[in-house]
Amino acid sequence: MRLWKGLTIGLVAAGLVGCSGGTASQPSVATPGPAAVTSTAPPVAPASPKMRAGARAAAAQFYSLYSASEFVAFWNLLSPATKRNVSRGVWVSVHDACSDASTGKSRIIKAVTVFGSAAIVTETIAGAASNLGTTEDVFNYANGHWSYSPGNLSIYHHGSVTADIAAAKAAGFCTDWKIF
């Protein structure tokens, strides 16, 4: 819903810019309306049940390893881009020192939405009292398998593991239940 609202606001703003009057030295140029906008991108094919099941299985394995504090195996399920940006040693050290409140608790996958080579997995902590225990994580499909893609890697780039752990604690990741 937010996407459509934002898109509508953007199109209206673009239309208003096209409707603003020009000066005598700059003639007004009409901007095509929303009906005239065309996309050159091919339409995204609906996700196959196999792709959706694969994303769900990868997420289930990932959450299981995270809950069990198996951070070395957990690192193996990260996206290639994440592995290039965060070394295994840093990832494991930060997570070992900064286990969150959900470690040891099982996660329940509520929904898997696949579009192209990306999936949004909505999950919650078993026994969470409300939607406060719900989060969405991104998984990407590459090289024949699904992998986790954290949204923010800045926690891991403070120059030392000690500084990274301090940053994770300051950001609330060590007491929150969301994976970072």
N, C-alpha and C. Protein backbone atom coordinates (compact mmCIF):
# COMPACT_ATOMS: atom_id res chain seq x y z
N MET A 1 0.82 -1.18 0.00
CA MET A 1 0.00 0.00 0.00
C MET A 1 0.87 1.25 0.00
N ARG A 2 1.95 1.27 0.80
CA ARG A 2 2.83 2.43 0.85
C ARG A 2 3.47 2.68 -0.51
N LEU A 3 3.85 1.59 -1.20
CA LEU A 3 4.48 1.73 -2.50
C LEU A 3 3.54 2.45 -3.46
N TRP A 4 2.28 2.04 -3.52
CA TRP A 4 1.32 2.68 -4.42
C TRP A 4 1.09 4.13 -4.02
N LYS A 5 0.98 4.39 -2.74
CA LYS A 5 0.77 5.76 -2.27
C LYS A 5 1.95 6.63 -2.66
N GLY A 6 3.17 6.13 -2.46
CA GLY A 6 4.37 6.87 -2.83
C GLY A 6 4.46 7.09 -4.33
N LEU A 7 4.10 6.06 -5.10
CA LEU A 7 4.12 6.17 -6.56
C LEU A 7 3.11 7.20 -7.02
N THR A 8 1.92 7.18 -6.43
CA THR A 8 0.88 8.14 -6.79
C THR A 8 1.33 9.56 -6.48
N ILE A 9 1.92 9.78 -5.30
CA ILE A 9 2.39 11.10 -4.92
C ILE A 9 3.48 11.57 -5.89
N GLY A 10 4.38 10.67 -6.25
CA GLY A 10 5.45 11.01 -7.19
C GLY A 10 4.90 11.38 -8.56
N LEU A 11 3.91 10.64 -9.04
CA LEU A 11 3.32 10.95 -10.34
C LEU A 11 2.56 12.27 -10.31
N VAL A 12 1.86 12.53 -9.23
CA VAL A 12 1.14 13.80 -9.09
C VAL A 12 2.15 14.94 -9.07
N ALA A 13 3.24 14.80 -8.31
CA ALA A 13 4.27 15.85 -8.25
C ALA A 13 4.87 16.09 -9.63
N ALA A 14 5.14 15.02 -10.36
CA ALA A 14 5.69 15.16 -11.71
C ALA A 14 4.70 15.87 -12.62
N GLY A 15 3.43 15.55 -12.47
CA GLY A 15 2.39 16.21 -13.26
C GLY A 15 2.29 17.68 -12.93
N LEU A 16 2.40 18.02 -11.65
CA LEU A 16 2.32 19.42 -11.24
C LEU A 16 3.51 20.22 -11.77
N VAL A 17 4.67 19.62 -11.80
CA VAL A 17 5.84 20.30 -12.35
C VAL A 17 5.59 20.61 -13.82
N GLY A 18 5.00 19.69 -14.54
CA GLY A 18 4.70 19.90 -15.96
C GLY A 18 3.62 20.95 -16.16
N CYS A 19 2.77 21.16 -15.17
CA CYS A 19 1.68 22.13 -15.29
C CYS A 19 2.10 23.53 -14.87
N SER A 20 3.24 23.70 -14.24
CA SER A 20 3.63 25.02 -13.78
C SER A 20 3.93 25.89 -14.98
N GLY A 21 3.56 27.13 -14.87
CA GLY A 21 3.73 28.06 -16.00
C GLY A 21 5.19 28.40 -16.22
N GLY A 22 5.56 28.58 -17.47
CA GLY A 22 6.92 28.97 -17.80
C GLY A 22 7.01 30.48 -17.90
N THR A 23 8.20 31.02 -17.99
CA THR A 23 8.40 32.45 -18.15
C THR A 23 8.42 32.77 -19.63
N ALA A 24 8.47 34.05 -19.96
CA ALA A 24 8.47 34.45 -21.36
C ALA A 24 9.69 33.92 -22.09
N SER A 25 10.82 33.79 -21.39
CA SER A 25 12.03 33.30 -22.04
C SER A 25 12.10 31.78 -22.07
N GLN A 26 11.29 31.11 -21.25
CA GLN A 26 11.30 29.65 -21.22
C GLN A 26 9.87 29.16 -21.42
N PRO A 27 9.55 28.66 -22.61
CA PRO A 27 8.20 28.18 -22.83
C PRO A 27 7.90 26.97 -21.97
N SER A 28 6.64 26.83 -21.59
CA SER A 28 6.20 25.69 -20.79
C SER A 28 6.21 24.44 -21.65
N VAL A 29 6.76 23.35 -21.11
CA VAL A 29 6.80 22.09 -21.83
C VAL A 29 5.90 21.12 -21.10
N ALA A 30 4.99 20.51 -21.81
CA ALA A 30 4.05 19.56 -21.20
C ALA A 30 4.78 18.29 -20.81
N THR A 31 4.46 17.78 -19.64
CA THR A 31 5.01 16.53 -19.16
C THR A 31 3.96 15.45 -19.41
N PRO A 32 4.35 14.30 -19.97
CA PRO A 32 3.35 13.26 -20.21
C PRO A 32 2.70 12.83 -18.91
N GLY A 33 1.42 12.58 -18.96
CA GLY A 33 0.68 12.12 -17.79
C GLY A 33 0.99 10.67 -17.50
N PRO A 34 0.45 10.14 -16.40
CA PRO A 34 0.73 8.77 -16.00
C PRO A 34 0.38 7.75 -17.07
N ALA A 35 -0.64 8.01 -17.88
CA ALA A 35 -1.03 7.05 -18.90
C ALA A 35 0.03 6.94 -19.99
N ALA A 36 0.85 7.98 -20.17
CA ALA A 36 1.85 7.97 -21.22
C ALA A 36 3.16 7.34 -20.77
N VAL A 37 3.31 7.03 -19.49
CA VAL A 37 4.54 6.45 -18.98
C VAL A 37 4.61 4.99 -19.40
N THR A 38 5.73 4.62 -20.01
CA THR A 38 5.92 3.23 -20.40
C THR A 38 7.17 2.69 -19.73
N SER A 39 7.20 1.42 -19.56
CA SER A 39 8.34 0.77 -18.93
C SER A 39 9.03 -0.11 -19.95
N THR A 40 10.36 -0.06 -19.96
CA THR A 40 11.11 -0.92 -20.85
C THR A 40 11.52 -2.21 -20.16
N ALA A 41 11.29 -2.28 -18.86
CA ALA A 41 11.66 -3.49 -18.11
C ALA A 41 10.64 -4.60 -18.42
N PRO A 42 11.12 -5.82 -18.59
CA PRO A 42 10.18 -6.91 -18.83
C PRO A 42 9.38 -7.18 -17.56
N PRO A 43 8.15 -7.64 -17.72
CA PRO A 43 7.35 -7.94 -16.52
C PRO A 43 7.98 -9.08 -15.74
N VAL A 44 7.85 -9.01 -14.43
CA VAL A 44 8.39 -10.06 -13.57
C VAL A 44 7.42 -11.23 -13.58
N ALA A 45 7.93 -12.40 -13.89
CA ALA A 45 7.10 -13.60 -13.92
C ALA A 45 6.69 -13.98 -12.51
N PRO A 46 5.50 -14.51 -12.35
CA PRO A 46 5.08 -14.94 -11.01
C PRO A 46 6.06 -16.01 -10.49
N ALA A 47 6.25 -15.99 -9.20
CA ALA A 47 7.17 -16.94 -8.59
C ALA A 47 6.60 -18.34 -8.69
N SER A 48 7.46 -19.27 -9.01
CA SER A 48 7.02 -20.66 -9.07
C SER A 48 6.93 -21.21 -7.65
N PRO A 49 6.09 -22.21 -7.45
CA PRO A 49 6.03 -22.83 -6.12
C PRO A 49 7.40 -23.37 -5.68
N LYS A 50 8.20 -23.82 -6.64
CA LYS A 50 9.54 -24.35 -6.32
C LYS A 50 10.44 -23.24 -5.77
N MET A 51 10.39 -22.05 -6.40
CA MET A 51 11.21 -20.94 -5.91
C MET A 51 10.76 -20.51 -4.52
N ARG A 52 9.45 -20.43 -4.31
CA ARG A 52 8.91 -20.03 -3.01
C ARG A 52 9.30 -21.06 -1.94
N ALA A 53 9.19 -22.34 -2.27
CA ALA A 53 9.56 -23.40 -1.32
C ALA A 53 11.06 -23.36 -1.02
N GLY A 54 11.87 -23.07 -2.02
CA GLY A 54 13.31 -22.97 -1.81
C GLY A 54 13.66 -21.81 -0.89
N ALA A 55 13.01 -20.68 -1.08
CA ALA A 55 13.26 -19.52 -0.21
C ALA A 55 12.82 -19.84 1.22
N ARG A 56 11.68 -20.49 1.37
CA ARG A 56 11.19 -20.86 2.70
C ARG A 56 12.16 -21.82 3.39
N ALA A 57 12.65 -22.81 2.66
CA ALA A 57 13.58 -23.79 3.23
C ALA A 57 14.89 -23.13 3.65
N ALA A 58 15.40 -22.22 2.81
CA ALA A 58 16.64 -21.51 3.16
C ALA A 58 16.44 -20.66 4.40
N ALA A 59 15.30 -19.97 4.48
CA ALA A 59 15.02 -19.14 5.65
C ALA A 59 14.89 -20.00 6.90
N ALA A 60 14.21 -21.13 6.80
CA ALA A 60 14.04 -22.02 7.96
C ALA A 60 15.40 -22.51 8.46
N GLN A 61 16.27 -22.90 7.54
CA GLN A 61 17.61 -23.35 7.92
C GLN A 61 18.40 -22.21 8.57
N PHE A 62 18.32 -21.05 7.97
CA PHE A 62 19.02 -19.87 8.47
C PHE A 62 18.57 -19.52 9.88
N TYR A 63 17.26 -19.44 10.10
CA TYR A 63 16.72 -19.10 11.43
C TYR A 63 17.06 -20.18 12.46
N SER A 64 17.07 -21.41 12.03
CA SER A 64 17.42 -22.51 12.94
C SER A 64 18.87 -22.37 13.41
N LEU A 65 19.77 -22.10 12.49
CA LEU A 65 21.18 -21.93 12.85
C LEU A 65 21.38 -20.70 13.73
N TYR A 66 20.68 -19.64 13.44
CA TYR A 66 20.78 -18.43 14.24
C TYR A 66 20.30 -18.69 15.67
N SER A 67 19.16 -19.35 15.80
CA SER A 67 18.61 -19.65 17.13
C SER A 67 19.52 -20.56 17.93
N ALA A 68 20.26 -21.41 17.23
CA ALA A 68 21.18 -22.34 17.90
C ALA A 68 22.57 -21.74 18.11
N SER A 69 22.74 -20.47 17.77
CA SER A 69 24.04 -19.78 17.88
C SER A 69 25.14 -20.47 17.07
N GLU A 70 24.77 -21.05 15.96
CA GLU A 70 25.73 -21.70 15.05
C GLU A 70 26.18 -20.66 14.02
N PHE A 71 26.97 -19.68 14.48
CA PHE A 71 27.26 -18.53 13.65
C PHE A 71 28.23 -18.81 12.51
N VAL A 72 29.06 -19.84 12.59
CA VAL A 72 29.93 -20.20 11.47
C VAL A 72 29.06 -20.75 10.34
N ALA A 73 28.19 -21.69 10.65
CA ALA A 73 27.29 -22.25 9.64
C ALA A 73 26.32 -21.16 9.14
N PHE A 74 25.91 -20.30 10.03
CA PHE A 74 25.03 -19.18 9.72
C PHE A 74 25.69 -18.28 8.68
N TRP A 75 26.99 -18.00 8.80
CA TRP A 75 27.73 -17.17 7.85
C TRP A 75 27.71 -17.79 6.46
N ASN A 76 27.76 -19.12 6.40
CA ASN A 76 27.75 -19.80 5.11
C ASN A 76 26.47 -19.56 4.32
N LEU A 77 25.40 -19.13 4.98
CA LEU A 77 24.13 -18.88 4.30
C LEU A 77 23.92 -17.40 3.94
N LEU A 78 24.98 -16.60 4.10
CA LEU A 78 24.90 -15.19 3.73
C LEU A 78 25.07 -15.02 2.22
N SER A 79 24.54 -13.93 1.71
CA SER A 79 24.67 -13.64 0.28
C SER A 79 26.14 -13.41 -0.08
N PRO A 80 26.50 -13.68 -1.34
CA PRO A 80 27.88 -13.45 -1.76
C PRO A 80 28.34 -12.00 -1.52
N ALA A 81 27.47 -11.03 -1.73
CA ALA A 81 27.84 -9.62 -1.50
C ALA A 81 28.16 -9.38 -0.03
N THR A 82 27.40 -9.99 0.87
CA THR A 82 27.67 -9.82 2.29
C THR A 82 29.00 -10.46 2.66
N LYS A 83 29.26 -11.65 2.14
CA LYS A 83 30.53 -12.32 2.43
C LYS A 83 31.72 -11.52 1.93
N ARG A 84 31.55 -10.79 0.83
CA ARG A 84 32.65 -9.95 0.32
C ARG A 84 32.89 -8.75 1.23
N ASN A 85 31.86 -8.30 1.93
CA ASN A 85 31.95 -7.10 2.75
C ASN A 85 32.22 -7.35 4.23
N VAL A 86 31.98 -8.57 4.69
CA VAL A 86 32.19 -8.89 6.11
C VAL A 86 32.89 -10.25 6.17
N SER A 87 34.05 -10.28 6.81
CA SER A 87 34.77 -11.55 6.90
C SER A 87 34.06 -12.50 7.86
N ARG A 88 34.32 -13.77 7.67
CA ARG A 88 33.73 -14.79 8.55
C ARG A 88 34.12 -14.54 10.00
N GLY A 89 35.39 -14.21 10.23
CA GLY A 89 35.86 -13.98 11.60
C GLY A 89 35.14 -12.84 12.29
N VAL A 90 34.96 -11.74 11.57
CA VAL A 90 34.25 -10.58 12.15
C VAL A 90 32.80 -10.95 12.41
N TRP A 91 32.14 -11.56 11.42
CA TRP A 91 30.73 -11.94 11.57
C TRP A 91 30.52 -12.83 12.79
N VAL A 92 31.32 -13.88 12.89
CA VAL A 92 31.17 -14.84 13.98
C VAL A 92 31.49 -14.19 15.32
N SER A 93 32.57 -13.41 15.38
CA SER A 93 32.96 -12.78 16.65
C SER A 93 31.90 -11.81 17.14
N VAL A 94 31.36 -10.99 16.25
CA VAL A 94 30.33 -10.02 16.65
C VAL A 94 29.09 -10.75 17.14
N HIS A 95 28.65 -11.76 16.42
CA HIS A 95 27.43 -12.47 16.82
C HIS A 95 27.64 -13.32 18.08
N ASP A 96 28.81 -13.89 18.24
CA ASP A 96 29.09 -14.64 19.48
C ASP A 96 29.03 -13.72 20.69
N ALA A 97 29.56 -12.51 20.56
CA ALA A 97 29.59 -11.58 21.69
C ALA A 97 28.28 -10.83 21.88
N CYS A 98 27.45 -10.86 20.88
CA CYS A 98 26.25 -10.03 20.92
C CYS A 98 25.01 -10.85 20.58
N SER A 99 24.83 -11.96 21.25
CA SER A 99 23.63 -12.75 21.03
C SER A 99 22.45 -11.93 21.49
N ASP A 100 21.36 -12.00 20.74
CA ASP A 100 20.20 -11.20 21.12
C ASP A 100 19.22 -12.02 21.96
N ALA A 101 18.13 -11.40 22.29
CA ALA A 101 17.13 -12.01 23.17
C ALA A 101 16.43 -13.21 22.54
N SER A 102 16.54 -13.37 21.21
CA SER A 102 15.83 -14.47 20.56
C SER A 102 16.67 -15.73 20.42
N THR A 103 17.95 -15.68 20.77
CA THR A 103 18.79 -16.86 20.67
C THR A 103 18.17 -17.98 21.51
N GLY A 104 18.04 -19.11 20.89
CA GLY A 104 17.46 -20.26 21.58
C GLY A 104 15.95 -20.36 21.40
N LYS A 105 15.33 -19.34 20.82
CA LYS A 105 13.88 -19.37 20.59
C LYS A 105 13.62 -19.68 19.12
N SER A 106 12.61 -20.49 18.88
CA SER A 106 12.32 -20.84 17.49
C SER A 106 11.57 -19.71 16.80
N ARG A 107 11.76 -19.64 15.52
CA ARG A 107 11.13 -18.63 14.69
C ARG A 107 10.08 -19.30 13.82
N ILE A 108 9.02 -18.57 13.55
CA ILE A 108 7.92 -19.09 12.74
C ILE A 108 7.85 -18.25 11.48
N ILE A 109 7.94 -18.89 10.33
CA ILE A 109 7.84 -18.18 9.06
C ILE A 109 6.36 -17.97 8.77
N LYS A 110 5.96 -16.71 8.68
CA LYS A 110 4.57 -16.35 8.45
C LYS A 110 4.25 -16.26 6.96
N ALA A 111 5.18 -15.75 6.17
CA ALA A 111 4.93 -15.57 4.74
C ALA A 111 6.25 -15.49 3.98
N VAL A 112 6.19 -15.90 2.72
CA VAL A 112 7.32 -15.78 1.82
C VAL A 112 6.80 -15.17 0.53
N THR A 113 7.32 -13.99 0.19
CA THR A 113 6.92 -13.32 -1.04
C THR A 113 8.13 -13.28 -1.95
N VAL A 114 8.02 -13.93 -3.11
CA VAL A 114 9.13 -14.02 -4.05
C VAL A 114 8.80 -13.18 -5.28
N PHE A 115 9.77 -12.39 -5.70
CA PHE A 115 9.64 -11.65 -6.94
C PHE A 115 11.00 -11.65 -7.60
N GLY A 116 11.08 -12.22 -8.78
CA GLY A 116 12.35 -12.35 -9.47
C GLY A 116 13.30 -13.21 -8.66
N SER A 117 14.49 -12.68 -8.39
CA SER A 117 15.50 -13.44 -7.64
C SER A 117 15.60 -12.97 -6.20
N ALA A 118 14.55 -12.34 -5.69
CA ALA A 118 14.54 -11.87 -4.30
C ALA A 118 13.29 -12.38 -3.59
N ALA A 119 13.43 -12.56 -2.30
CA ALA A 119 12.30 -13.00 -1.48
C ALA A 119 12.28 -12.19 -0.19
N ILE A 120 11.09 -11.83 0.24
CA ILE A 120 10.92 -11.21 1.55
C ILE A 120 10.26 -12.27 2.42
N VAL A 121 10.94 -12.60 3.50
CA VAL A 121 10.44 -13.61 4.43
C VAL A 121 9.97 -12.90 5.69
N THR A 122 8.71 -13.09 6.02
CA THR A 122 8.15 -12.51 7.23
C THR A 122 8.16 -13.59 8.29
N GLU A 123 8.79 -13.28 9.42
CA GLU A 123 8.89 -14.28 10.49
C GLU A 123 8.63 -13.64 11.83
N THR A 124 8.36 -14.49 12.78
CA THR A 124 8.11 -14.04 14.14
C THR A 124 8.76 -15.02 15.11
N ILE A 125 8.95 -14.58 16.33
CA ILE A 125 9.49 -15.44 17.38
C ILE A 125 8.34 -16.21 18.00
N ALA A 126 8.53 -17.49 18.17
CA ALA A 126 7.48 -18.31 18.80
C ALA A 126 7.16 -17.74 20.17
N GLY A 127 5.89 -17.53 20.43
CA GLY A 127 5.45 -17.03 21.72
C GLY A 127 5.47 -15.52 21.85
N ALA A 128 5.84 -14.80 20.78
CA ALA A 128 5.84 -13.33 20.85
C ALA A 128 4.41 -12.85 21.04
N ALA A 129 4.23 -11.87 21.90
CA ALA A 129 2.89 -11.42 22.29
C ALA A 129 2.17 -10.66 21.19
N SER A 130 2.88 -10.02 20.26
CA SER A 130 2.22 -9.20 19.26
C SER A 130 3.06 -9.11 18.00
N ASN A 131 2.70 -8.20 17.12
CA ASN A 131 3.47 -7.97 15.91
C ASN A 131 4.82 -7.33 16.20
N LEU A 132 5.07 -6.95 17.45
CA LEU A 132 6.38 -6.43 17.81
C LEU A 132 7.44 -7.51 17.61
N GLY A 133 7.01 -8.77 17.61
CA GLY A 133 7.92 -9.88 17.39
C GLY A 133 7.98 -10.33 15.95
N THR A 134 7.56 -9.48 15.01
CA THR A 134 7.54 -9.83 13.59
C THR A 134 8.54 -8.97 12.84
N THR A 135 9.25 -9.60 11.92
CA THR A 135 10.20 -8.86 11.09
C THR A 135 10.18 -9.41 9.67
N GLU A 136 10.76 -8.66 8.76
CA GLU A 136 10.89 -9.10 7.38
C GLU A 136 12.37 -9.12 7.03
N ASP A 137 12.81 -10.21 6.44
CA ASP A 137 14.19 -10.36 6.04
C ASP A 137 14.25 -10.62 4.54
N VAL A 138 15.34 -10.19 3.92
CA VAL A 138 15.50 -10.35 2.47
C VAL A 138 16.46 -11.51 2.19
N PHE A 139 16.04 -12.37 1.28
CA PHE A 139 16.87 -13.46 0.79
C PHE A 139 16.98 -13.29 -0.72
N ASN A 140 18.17 -13.56 -1.27
CA ASN A 140 18.40 -13.45 -2.71
C ASN A 140 18.79 -14.81 -3.28
N TYR A 141 18.38 -15.03 -4.52
CA TYR A 141 18.69 -16.28 -5.21
C TYR A 141 19.84 -16.01 -6.18
N ALA A 142 20.94 -16.72 -5.99
CA ALA A 142 22.11 -16.60 -6.87
C ALA A 142 22.89 -17.90 -6.82
N ASN A 143 23.48 -18.24 -7.92
CA ASN A 143 24.32 -19.44 -8.01
C ASN A 143 23.58 -20.71 -7.56
N GLY A 144 22.29 -20.77 -7.83
CA GLY A 144 21.51 -21.98 -7.55
C GLY A 144 21.00 -22.13 -6.14
N HIS A 145 21.15 -21.09 -5.29
CA HIS A 145 20.61 -21.21 -3.93
C HIS A 145 20.21 -19.85 -3.36
N TRP A 146 19.40 -19.91 -2.32
CA TRP A 146 18.93 -18.71 -1.62
C TRP A 146 19.90 -18.37 -0.50
N SER A 147 20.12 -17.08 -0.27
CA SER A 147 21.00 -16.65 0.81
C SER A 147 20.46 -15.36 1.44
N TYR A 148 20.81 -15.17 2.71
CA TYR A 148 20.35 -14.02 3.48
C TYR A 148 21.14 -12.77 3.11
N SER A 149 20.44 -11.65 2.96
CA SER A 149 21.06 -10.37 2.65
C SER A 149 20.67 -9.35 3.71
N PRO A 150 21.53 -9.12 4.70
CA PRO A 150 21.21 -8.13 5.73
C PRO A 150 21.06 -6.74 5.10
N GLY A 151 20.19 -5.95 5.67
CA GLY A 151 19.93 -4.62 5.13
C GLY A 151 21.01 -3.61 5.45
N ASN A 152 21.76 -3.81 6.52
CA ASN A 152 22.72 -2.80 6.95
C ASN A 152 23.98 -3.50 7.44
N LEU A 153 25.06 -3.29 6.73
CA LEU A 153 26.34 -3.90 7.11
C LEU A 153 27.26 -2.94 7.85
N SER A 154 26.79 -1.73 8.14
CA SER A 154 27.66 -0.74 8.77
C SER A 154 28.11 -1.17 10.17
N ILE A 155 27.37 -2.04 10.83
CA ILE A 155 27.76 -2.53 12.16
C ILE A 155 29.13 -3.20 12.11
N TYR A 156 29.48 -3.79 10.99
CA TYR A 156 30.70 -4.59 10.87
C TYR A 156 31.91 -3.83 10.34
N HIS A 157 31.86 -2.52 10.29
CA HIS A 157 32.94 -1.75 9.67
C HIS A 157 33.45 -0.62 10.57
N HIS A 158 33.77 -0.94 11.81
CA HIS A 158 34.26 0.08 12.74
C HIS A 158 35.75 -0.07 13.03
N GLY A 159 36.43 -0.92 12.31
CA GLY A 159 37.88 -1.02 12.45
C GLY A 159 38.37 -2.13 13.35
N SER A 160 37.51 -2.64 14.24
CA SER A 160 37.91 -3.76 15.09
C SER A 160 36.64 -4.48 15.54
N VAL A 161 36.82 -5.73 15.91
CA VAL A 161 35.68 -6.50 16.40
C VAL A 161 35.10 -5.85 17.66
N THR A 162 35.97 -5.37 18.54
CA THR A 162 35.50 -4.71 19.77
C THR A 162 34.63 -3.50 19.44
N ALA A 163 35.06 -2.70 18.47
CA ALA A 163 34.28 -1.52 18.07
C ALA A 163 32.98 -1.94 17.39
N ASP A 164 33.02 -3.02 16.60
CA ASP A 164 31.81 -3.52 15.95
C ASP A 164 30.79 -4.01 16.98
N ILE A 165 31.28 -4.70 18.00
CA ILE A 165 30.39 -5.18 19.07
C ILE A 165 29.78 -3.99 19.81
N ALA A 166 30.59 -2.99 20.09
CA ALA A 166 30.08 -1.79 20.76
C ALA A 166 29.01 -1.11 19.91
N ALA A 167 29.23 -1.05 18.60
CA ALA A 167 28.25 -0.45 17.69
C ALA A 167 26.95 -1.25 17.67
N ALA A 168 27.07 -2.58 17.66
CA ALA A 168 25.88 -3.43 17.67
C ALA A 168 25.10 -3.24 18.97
N LYS A 169 25.81 -3.14 20.08
CA LYS A 169 25.13 -2.91 21.36
C LYS A 169 24.46 -1.55 21.39
N ALA A 170 25.16 -0.52 20.90
CA ALA A 170 24.60 0.83 20.87
C ALA A 170 23.36 0.91 19.98
N ALA A 171 23.33 0.11 18.92
CA ALA A 171 22.18 0.10 18.01
C ALA A 171 21.03 -0.75 18.54
N GLY A 172 21.24 -1.44 19.66
CA GLY A 172 20.18 -2.25 20.25
C GLY A 172 20.08 -3.66 19.71
N PHE A 173 21.04 -4.08 18.88
CA PHE A 173 20.98 -5.42 18.30
C PHE A 173 21.23 -6.52 19.32
N CYS A 174 21.90 -6.22 20.40
CA CYS A 174 22.23 -7.25 21.38
C CYS A 174 21.07 -7.52 22.34
N THR A 175 20.09 -6.66 22.35
CA THR A 175 18.93 -6.87 23.21
C THR A 175 17.66 -7.06 22.41
N ASP A 176 17.68 -6.67 21.14
CA ASP A 176 16.53 -6.82 20.28
C ASP A 176 16.50 -8.24 19.75
N TRP A 177 15.45 -8.62 19.06
CA TRP A 177 15.33 -9.99 18.57
C TRP A 177 15.57 -10.08 17.07
N LYS A 178 15.86 -8.96 16.41
CA LYS A 178 16.04 -8.96 14.97
C LYS A 178 17.46 -9.32 14.61
N ILE A 179 17.60 -10.05 13.52
CA ILE A 179 18.92 -10.43 13.03
C ILE A 179 19.55 -9.21 12.38
N PHE A 180 20.82 -9.03 12.66
CA PHE A 180 21.54 -7.92 12.04
C PHE A 180 22.67 -8.46 11.23
